[in-house]
């Protein structure tokens, strides 16, 4: 991941947990991390989705327990790497974060490797997909 990313922790500066009401887009190499979490997980074309309002099962004591192998979708946060990349406007660090040309290029390269990231995903669509399972 680019060294441009200033979001090094899984908790916001104001102490709010970024991993509670969350959805995660998983590429095929990451599905195994969430497949055992039947509630909130579904496989879709080119990858998988995980959604929970209870909190990521790997987030404990304000720390990601799978920090070194967490999904790319989490590693790149507050940048959404699906569809046209953008910065999450509710992130507590977004005012200090810039979507640089090098980071945009990195995301485009990821989208070439993993087609699931080419698609725009929004809360409503993720919830609808999970209800159809």
N, C-alpha and C. Protein backbone atom coordinates (compact mmCIF):
# COMPACT_ATOMS: atom_id res chain seq x y z
N UNK A 1 0.82 -1.18 0.00
CA UNK A 1 0.00 0.00 0.00
C UNK A 1 0.87 1.24 0.00
N UNK A 2 0.36 2.27 -0.55
CA UNK A 2 1.07 3.53 -0.67
C UNK A 2 1.42 4.13 0.69
N UNK A 3 2.58 4.72 0.77
CA UNK A 3 3.00 5.38 2.01
C UNK A 3 2.24 6.70 2.19
N UNK A 4 1.44 7.09 1.20
CA UNK A 4 0.65 8.31 1.30
C UNK A 4 -0.47 8.19 2.33
N UNK A 5 -0.87 6.98 2.68
CA UNK A 5 -2.00 6.77 3.57
C UNK A 5 -1.62 7.11 5.00
N UNK A 6 -2.34 8.07 5.59
CA UNK A 6 -2.06 8.48 6.97
C UNK A 6 -2.94 7.74 7.97
N UNK A 7 -3.85 6.92 7.49
CA UNK A 7 -4.75 6.18 8.37
C UNK A 7 -4.05 4.89 8.80
N UNK A 8 -3.31 4.96 9.87
CA UNK A 8 -2.52 3.82 10.31
C UNK A 8 -3.20 2.99 11.38
N UNK A 9 -4.24 3.53 11.99
CA UNK A 9 -4.94 2.83 13.04
C UNK A 9 -6.36 2.52 12.59
N UNK A 10 -7.03 1.67 13.36
CA UNK A 10 -8.41 1.31 13.05
C UNK A 10 -9.37 2.11 13.91
N UNK A 11 -8.89 3.14 14.55
CA UNK A 11 -9.75 3.95 15.40
C UNK A 11 -9.52 5.41 15.06
N UNK A 12 -10.59 6.18 15.01
CA UNK A 12 -10.48 7.59 14.67
C UNK A 12 -9.83 8.41 15.76
N UNK A 13 -9.36 9.58 15.41
CA UNK A 13 -8.70 10.46 16.36
C UNK A 13 -9.61 10.85 17.51
N UNK A 14 -10.92 10.90 17.24
CA UNK A 14 -11.85 11.29 18.30
C UNK A 14 -12.29 10.11 19.15
N UNK A 15 -11.71 8.94 18.91
CA UNK A 15 -12.02 7.76 19.70
C UNK A 15 -13.17 6.93 19.16
N UNK A 16 -13.76 7.32 18.05
CA UNK A 16 -14.84 6.54 17.48
C UNK A 16 -14.28 5.37 16.68
N UNK A 17 -14.89 4.25 16.87
CA UNK A 17 -14.47 3.03 16.20
C UNK A 17 -14.90 3.05 14.74
N UNK A 18 -13.95 2.86 13.85
CA UNK A 18 -14.24 2.85 12.41
C UNK A 18 -14.70 1.49 11.92
N UNK A 19 -14.75 0.49 12.78
CA UNK A 19 -15.01 -0.88 12.34
C UNK A 19 -16.32 -1.44 12.88
N UNK A 20 -17.27 -0.59 13.27
CA UNK A 20 -18.54 -1.09 13.81
C UNK A 20 -19.56 -1.32 12.69
N UNK A 21 -20.25 -0.31 12.24
CA UNK A 21 -21.26 -0.45 11.19
C UNK A 21 -20.51 -0.44 9.87
N UNK A 22 -20.11 -1.62 9.41
CA UNK A 22 -19.12 -1.69 8.34
C UNK A 22 -19.49 -2.71 7.27
N UNK A 23 -19.12 -2.40 6.04
CA UNK A 23 -19.14 -3.43 5.01
C UNK A 23 -17.75 -3.49 4.39
N UNK A 24 -17.38 -4.69 3.99
CA UNK A 24 -16.04 -4.93 3.45
C UNK A 24 -16.19 -5.69 2.14
N UNK A 25 -15.57 -5.18 1.09
CA UNK A 25 -15.55 -5.86 -0.20
C UNK A 25 -14.29 -6.72 -0.22
N UNK A 26 -14.46 -8.00 -0.46
CA UNK A 26 -13.36 -8.96 -0.41
C UNK A 26 -13.00 -9.46 -1.80
N UNK A 27 -11.71 -9.44 -2.11
CA UNK A 27 -11.28 -10.05 -3.36
C UNK A 27 -11.18 -11.56 -3.13
N UNK A 28 -11.06 -12.37 -4.18
CA UNK A 28 -11.06 -13.82 -4.02
C UNK A 28 -9.99 -14.36 -3.07
N UNK A 29 -8.87 -13.69 -2.95
CA UNK A 29 -7.80 -14.14 -2.07
C UNK A 29 -8.09 -13.85 -0.59
N UNK A 30 -9.12 -13.06 -0.31
CA UNK A 30 -9.44 -12.67 1.07
C UNK A 30 -10.69 -13.34 1.63
N UNK A 31 -11.44 -14.01 0.78
CA UNK A 31 -12.71 -14.61 1.20
C UNK A 31 -12.54 -15.52 2.41
N UNK A 32 -11.45 -16.26 2.48
CA UNK A 32 -11.25 -17.19 3.59
C UNK A 32 -11.26 -16.50 4.96
N UNK A 33 -10.93 -15.22 5.01
CA UNK A 33 -10.90 -14.50 6.29
C UNK A 33 -12.29 -14.35 6.91
N UNK A 34 -13.32 -14.26 6.08
CA UNK A 34 -14.67 -14.00 6.58
C UNK A 34 -15.66 -15.12 6.29
N UNK A 35 -15.24 -16.14 5.58
CA UNK A 35 -16.16 -17.21 5.19
C UNK A 35 -16.77 -17.91 6.41
N UNK A 36 -16.02 -17.99 7.49
CA UNK A 36 -16.54 -18.66 8.69
C UNK A 36 -17.57 -17.81 9.44
N UNK A 37 -17.69 -16.56 9.08
CA UNK A 37 -18.66 -15.67 9.71
C UNK A 37 -19.92 -15.66 8.85
N UNK A 38 -20.71 -16.73 8.99
CA UNK A 38 -21.87 -16.96 8.13
C UNK A 38 -22.83 -15.77 8.12
N UNK A 39 -23.09 -15.21 9.31
CA UNK A 39 -23.98 -14.05 9.38
C UNK A 39 -23.22 -12.83 8.88
N UNK A 40 -23.69 -12.28 7.80
CA UNK A 40 -23.06 -11.08 7.25
C UNK A 40 -22.09 -11.35 6.11
N UNK A 41 -21.95 -12.61 5.70
CA UNK A 41 -21.02 -12.92 4.60
C UNK A 41 -21.78 -13.53 3.43
N UNK A 42 -21.38 -13.12 2.24
CA UNK A 42 -21.93 -13.73 1.03
C UNK A 42 -20.86 -13.67 -0.07
N UNK A 43 -20.77 -14.76 -0.82
CA UNK A 43 -19.88 -14.75 -1.99
C UNK A 43 -20.67 -14.17 -3.16
N UNK A 44 -20.00 -13.31 -3.91
CA UNK A 44 -20.59 -12.73 -5.11
C UNK A 44 -19.60 -12.93 -6.24
N UNK A 45 -20.01 -12.57 -7.45
CA UNK A 45 -19.11 -12.71 -8.59
C UNK A 45 -17.81 -11.97 -8.31
N UNK A 46 -16.69 -12.62 -8.53
CA UNK A 46 -15.34 -12.05 -8.39
C UNK A 46 -14.90 -11.81 -6.95
N UNK A 47 -15.65 -12.29 -5.94
CA UNK A 47 -15.20 -12.07 -4.56
C UNK A 47 -16.28 -12.29 -3.54
N UNK A 48 -16.31 -11.43 -2.53
CA UNK A 48 -17.28 -11.59 -1.46
C UNK A 48 -17.60 -10.27 -0.79
N UNK A 49 -18.65 -10.30 0.04
CA UNK A 49 -19.08 -9.13 0.81
C UNK A 49 -19.19 -9.55 2.27
N UNK A 50 -18.84 -8.65 3.16
CA UNK A 50 -19.09 -8.87 4.57
C UNK A 50 -19.70 -7.59 5.11
N UNK A 51 -20.81 -7.74 5.84
CA UNK A 51 -21.48 -6.57 6.40
C UNK A 51 -21.91 -6.89 7.83
N UNK A 52 -21.69 -5.94 8.72
CA UNK A 52 -22.14 -6.10 10.09
C UNK A 52 -22.40 -4.74 10.74
N UNK A 53 -23.40 -4.73 11.60
CA UNK A 53 -23.62 -3.54 12.43
C UNK A 53 -23.03 -3.76 13.82
N UNK A 54 -22.62 -4.99 14.10
CA UNK A 54 -22.12 -5.36 15.43
C UNK A 54 -20.63 -5.09 15.59
N UNK A 55 -19.95 -4.95 14.51
CA UNK A 55 -18.50 -4.74 14.58
C UNK A 55 -17.75 -5.86 13.90
N UNK A 56 -16.64 -5.52 13.29
CA UNK A 56 -15.82 -6.52 12.63
C UNK A 56 -15.39 -7.56 13.66
N UNK A 57 -15.50 -8.84 13.33
CA UNK A 57 -15.11 -9.89 14.29
C UNK A 57 -13.63 -9.89 14.61
N UNK A 58 -12.83 -9.20 13.84
CA UNK A 58 -11.39 -9.14 14.09
C UNK A 58 -10.96 -7.86 14.80
N UNK A 59 -11.92 -7.04 15.19
CA UNK A 59 -11.60 -5.79 15.86
C UNK A 59 -11.85 -5.94 17.35
N UNK A 60 -10.78 -5.94 18.14
CA UNK A 60 -10.88 -6.09 19.59
C UNK A 60 -9.95 -5.10 20.27
N UNK A 61 -10.44 -4.53 21.35
CA UNK A 61 -9.64 -3.60 22.15
C UNK A 61 -9.03 -2.48 21.30
N UNK A 62 -9.86 -1.91 20.44
CA UNK A 62 -9.44 -0.80 19.56
C UNK A 62 -8.26 -1.15 18.66
N UNK A 63 -8.18 -2.40 18.26
CA UNK A 63 -7.09 -2.82 17.39
C UNK A 63 -7.55 -3.95 16.48
N UNK A 64 -7.08 -3.91 15.24
CA UNK A 64 -7.36 -4.98 14.30
C UNK A 64 -6.47 -6.17 14.61
N UNK A 65 -7.09 -7.32 14.88
CA UNK A 65 -6.34 -8.52 15.23
C UNK A 65 -5.69 -9.19 14.01
N UNK A 66 -6.06 -8.75 12.81
CA UNK A 66 -5.45 -9.30 11.59
C UNK A 66 -4.77 -8.18 10.80
N UNK A 67 -4.21 -7.24 11.50
CA UNK A 67 -3.62 -6.04 10.91
C UNK A 67 -2.75 -6.35 9.69
N UNK A 68 -1.88 -7.33 9.78
CA UNK A 68 -0.94 -7.62 8.70
C UNK A 68 -1.58 -8.32 7.50
N UNK A 69 -2.73 -8.96 7.71
CA UNK A 69 -3.38 -9.66 6.60
C UNK A 69 -4.82 -9.21 6.38
N UNK A 70 -5.17 -8.02 6.91
CA UNK A 70 -6.54 -7.55 6.75
C UNK A 70 -6.82 -7.25 5.27
N UNK A 71 -8.10 -7.26 4.89
CA UNK A 71 -8.46 -7.04 3.49
C UNK A 71 -7.96 -5.69 2.96
N UNK A 72 -7.69 -5.66 1.66
CA UNK A 72 -7.24 -4.42 1.01
C UNK A 72 -8.27 -3.31 1.20
N UNK A 73 -9.54 -3.66 1.20
CA UNK A 73 -10.59 -2.68 1.38
C UNK A 73 -10.41 -1.92 2.70
N UNK A 74 -9.94 -2.64 3.72
CA UNK A 74 -9.68 -2.04 5.04
C UNK A 74 -8.34 -1.29 5.03
N UNK A 75 -7.34 -1.86 4.40
CA UNK A 75 -6.02 -1.24 4.38
C UNK A 75 -6.04 0.13 3.71
N UNK A 76 -6.88 0.28 2.71
CA UNK A 76 -6.91 1.54 1.97
C UNK A 76 -7.85 2.58 2.59
N UNK A 77 -8.68 2.16 3.53
CA UNK A 77 -9.60 3.11 4.16
C UNK A 77 -8.80 4.27 4.75
N UNK A 78 -9.23 5.50 4.56
CA UNK A 78 -10.55 6.02 4.22
C UNK A 78 -10.81 6.17 2.74
N UNK A 79 -9.95 5.62 1.88
CA UNK A 79 -10.22 5.64 0.45
C UNK A 79 -11.07 4.42 0.11
N UNK A 80 -12.18 4.64 -0.57
CA UNK A 80 -12.96 3.54 -1.09
C UNK A 80 -12.34 3.16 -2.42
N UNK A 81 -11.90 1.92 -2.53
CA UNK A 81 -11.14 1.47 -3.70
C UNK A 81 -12.03 0.83 -4.76
N UNK A 82 -13.34 0.91 -4.57
CA UNK A 82 -14.25 0.36 -5.57
C UNK A 82 -14.81 1.50 -6.42
N UNK A 83 -15.07 1.16 -7.68
CA UNK A 83 -15.59 2.19 -8.60
C UNK A 83 -14.59 3.32 -8.76
N UNK A 84 -15.08 4.53 -8.77
CA UNK A 84 -14.21 5.70 -8.83
C UNK A 84 -13.74 5.98 -7.40
N UNK A 85 -12.42 5.89 -7.13
CA UNK A 85 -11.94 6.06 -5.76
C UNK A 85 -12.31 7.42 -5.18
N UNK A 86 -12.70 7.39 -3.91
CA UNK A 86 -13.00 8.64 -3.20
C UNK A 86 -12.70 8.46 -1.72
N UNK A 87 -12.61 9.56 -1.02
CA UNK A 87 -12.33 9.53 0.41
C UNK A 87 -13.65 9.59 1.17
N UNK A 88 -13.77 8.74 2.16
CA UNK A 88 -14.97 8.71 2.99
C UNK A 88 -15.12 10.05 3.70
N UNK A 89 -16.22 10.72 3.47
CA UNK A 89 -16.37 12.08 4.00
C UNK A 89 -16.66 12.14 5.50
N UNK A 90 -16.93 11.01 6.14
CA UNK A 90 -17.16 11.01 7.58
C UNK A 90 -15.93 10.58 8.37
N UNK A 91 -14.87 10.23 7.68
CA UNK A 91 -13.65 9.80 8.37
C UNK A 91 -13.04 10.97 9.13
N UNK A 92 -12.62 10.72 10.36
CA UNK A 92 -12.09 11.80 11.19
C UNK A 92 -10.75 12.34 10.70
N UNK A 93 -10.06 11.61 9.81
CA UNK A 93 -8.78 12.12 9.32
C UNK A 93 -8.85 12.64 7.89
N UNK A 94 -10.03 12.62 7.29
CA UNK A 94 -10.10 12.93 5.85
C UNK A 94 -9.63 14.34 5.51
N UNK A 95 -9.68 15.26 6.46
CA UNK A 95 -9.21 16.62 6.14
C UNK A 95 -7.69 16.66 5.98
N UNK A 96 -7.00 15.67 6.52
CA UNK A 96 -5.54 15.59 6.40
C UNK A 96 -5.10 14.66 5.29
N UNK A 97 -6.03 14.05 4.63
CA UNK A 97 -5.74 12.99 3.68
C UNK A 97 -6.01 13.47 2.25
N UNK A 98 -5.11 13.19 1.36
CA UNK A 98 -5.26 13.59 -0.04
C UNK A 98 -5.25 12.36 -0.94
N UNK A 99 -6.14 12.35 -1.89
CA UNK A 99 -6.18 11.27 -2.87
C UNK A 99 -5.22 11.66 -3.99
N UNK A 100 -3.96 11.32 -3.80
CA UNK A 100 -2.90 11.71 -4.72
C UNK A 100 -2.96 10.95 -6.03
N UNK A 101 -2.25 11.44 -7.02
CA UNK A 101 -2.18 10.77 -8.32
C UNK A 101 -1.58 9.37 -8.17
N UNK A 102 -0.58 9.24 -7.32
CA UNK A 102 0.05 7.92 -7.15
C UNK A 102 -0.91 6.93 -6.48
N UNK A 103 -1.72 7.42 -5.55
CA UNK A 103 -2.69 6.55 -4.90
C UNK A 103 -3.81 6.17 -5.87
N UNK A 104 -4.25 7.12 -6.69
CA UNK A 104 -5.26 6.81 -7.71
C UNK A 104 -4.74 5.73 -8.67
N UNK A 105 -3.49 5.88 -9.08
CA UNK A 105 -2.87 4.90 -9.98
C UNK A 105 -2.82 3.52 -9.32
N UNK A 106 -2.48 3.50 -8.05
CA UNK A 106 -2.42 2.25 -7.30
C UNK A 106 -3.79 1.56 -7.27
N UNK A 107 -4.84 2.34 -7.05
CA UNK A 107 -6.19 1.79 -7.00
C UNK A 107 -6.60 1.25 -8.38
N UNK A 108 -6.29 1.96 -9.43
CA UNK A 108 -6.60 1.50 -10.79
C UNK A 108 -5.89 0.17 -11.06
N UNK A 109 -4.66 0.04 -10.62
CA UNK A 109 -3.92 -1.21 -10.80
C UNK A 109 -4.59 -2.34 -10.02
N UNK A 110 -5.06 -2.06 -8.80
CA UNK A 110 -5.78 -3.06 -8.02
C UNK A 110 -7.06 -3.49 -8.73
N UNK A 111 -7.74 -2.53 -9.33
CA UNK A 111 -8.98 -2.84 -10.04
C UNK A 111 -8.73 -3.73 -11.26
N UNK A 112 -7.56 -3.62 -11.85
CA UNK A 112 -7.21 -4.48 -12.98
C UNK A 112 -6.96 -5.91 -12.50
N UNK A 113 -6.36 -6.04 -11.34
CA UNK A 113 -6.06 -7.37 -10.78
C UNK A 113 -7.33 -8.03 -10.24
N UNK A 114 -8.16 -7.24 -9.53
CA UNK A 114 -9.36 -7.76 -8.87
C UNK A 114 -10.59 -7.04 -9.41
N UNK A 115 -11.32 -7.65 -10.34
CA UNK A 115 -12.48 -7.01 -10.95
C UNK A 115 -13.57 -6.57 -9.96
N UNK A 116 -13.64 -7.20 -8.80
CA UNK A 116 -14.67 -6.82 -7.83
C UNK A 116 -14.53 -5.36 -7.40
N UNK A 117 -13.31 -4.81 -7.48
CA UNK A 117 -13.09 -3.42 -7.09
C UNK A 117 -13.51 -2.43 -8.18
N UNK A 118 -13.77 -2.93 -9.39
CA UNK A 118 -14.19 -2.03 -10.48
C UNK A 118 -15.62 -1.54 -10.26
N UNK A 119 -16.39 -2.28 -9.50
CA UNK A 119 -17.81 -1.99 -9.31
C UNK A 119 -18.02 -1.04 -8.13
N UNK A 120 -18.94 -0.10 -8.28
CA UNK A 120 -19.34 0.75 -7.16
C UNK A 120 -20.26 -0.04 -6.24
N UNK A 121 -19.95 0.00 -4.95
CA UNK A 121 -20.80 -0.65 -3.95
C UNK A 121 -21.22 0.40 -2.94
N UNK A 122 -22.49 0.36 -2.57
CA UNK A 122 -23.01 1.28 -1.56
C UNK A 122 -23.79 0.47 -0.54
N UNK A 123 -23.97 1.04 0.63
CA UNK A 123 -24.65 0.34 1.74
C UNK A 123 -25.90 -0.37 1.29
N UNK A 124 -26.75 0.35 0.56
CA UNK A 124 -28.03 -0.22 0.17
C UNK A 124 -27.86 -1.46 -0.70
N UNK A 125 -26.90 -1.41 -1.61
CA UNK A 125 -26.67 -2.54 -2.49
C UNK A 125 -26.10 -3.73 -1.73
N UNK A 126 -25.19 -3.47 -0.80
CA UNK A 126 -24.61 -4.54 0.02
C UNK A 126 -25.72 -5.21 0.84
N UNK A 127 -26.54 -4.40 1.49
CA UNK A 127 -27.63 -4.95 2.30
C UNK A 127 -28.60 -5.77 1.45
N UNK A 128 -28.92 -5.27 0.25
CA UNK A 128 -29.82 -5.99 -0.64
C UNK A 128 -29.23 -7.33 -1.05
N UNK A 129 -27.94 -7.34 -1.40
CA UNK A 129 -27.27 -8.59 -1.78
C UNK A 129 -27.32 -9.61 -0.64
N UNK A 130 -27.09 -9.15 0.58
CA UNK A 130 -27.09 -10.05 1.73
C UNK A 130 -28.48 -10.59 2.03
N UNK A 131 -29.51 -9.80 1.79
CA UNK A 131 -30.89 -10.27 2.01
C UNK A 131 -31.30 -11.32 0.98
N UNK A 132 -30.65 -11.33 -0.17
CA UNK A 132 -31.00 -12.28 -1.23
C UNK A 132 -30.37 -13.64 -1.02
N UNK A 133 -29.44 -13.74 -0.07
CA UNK A 133 -28.76 -15.03 0.11
C UNK A 133 -29.65 -16.12 0.67
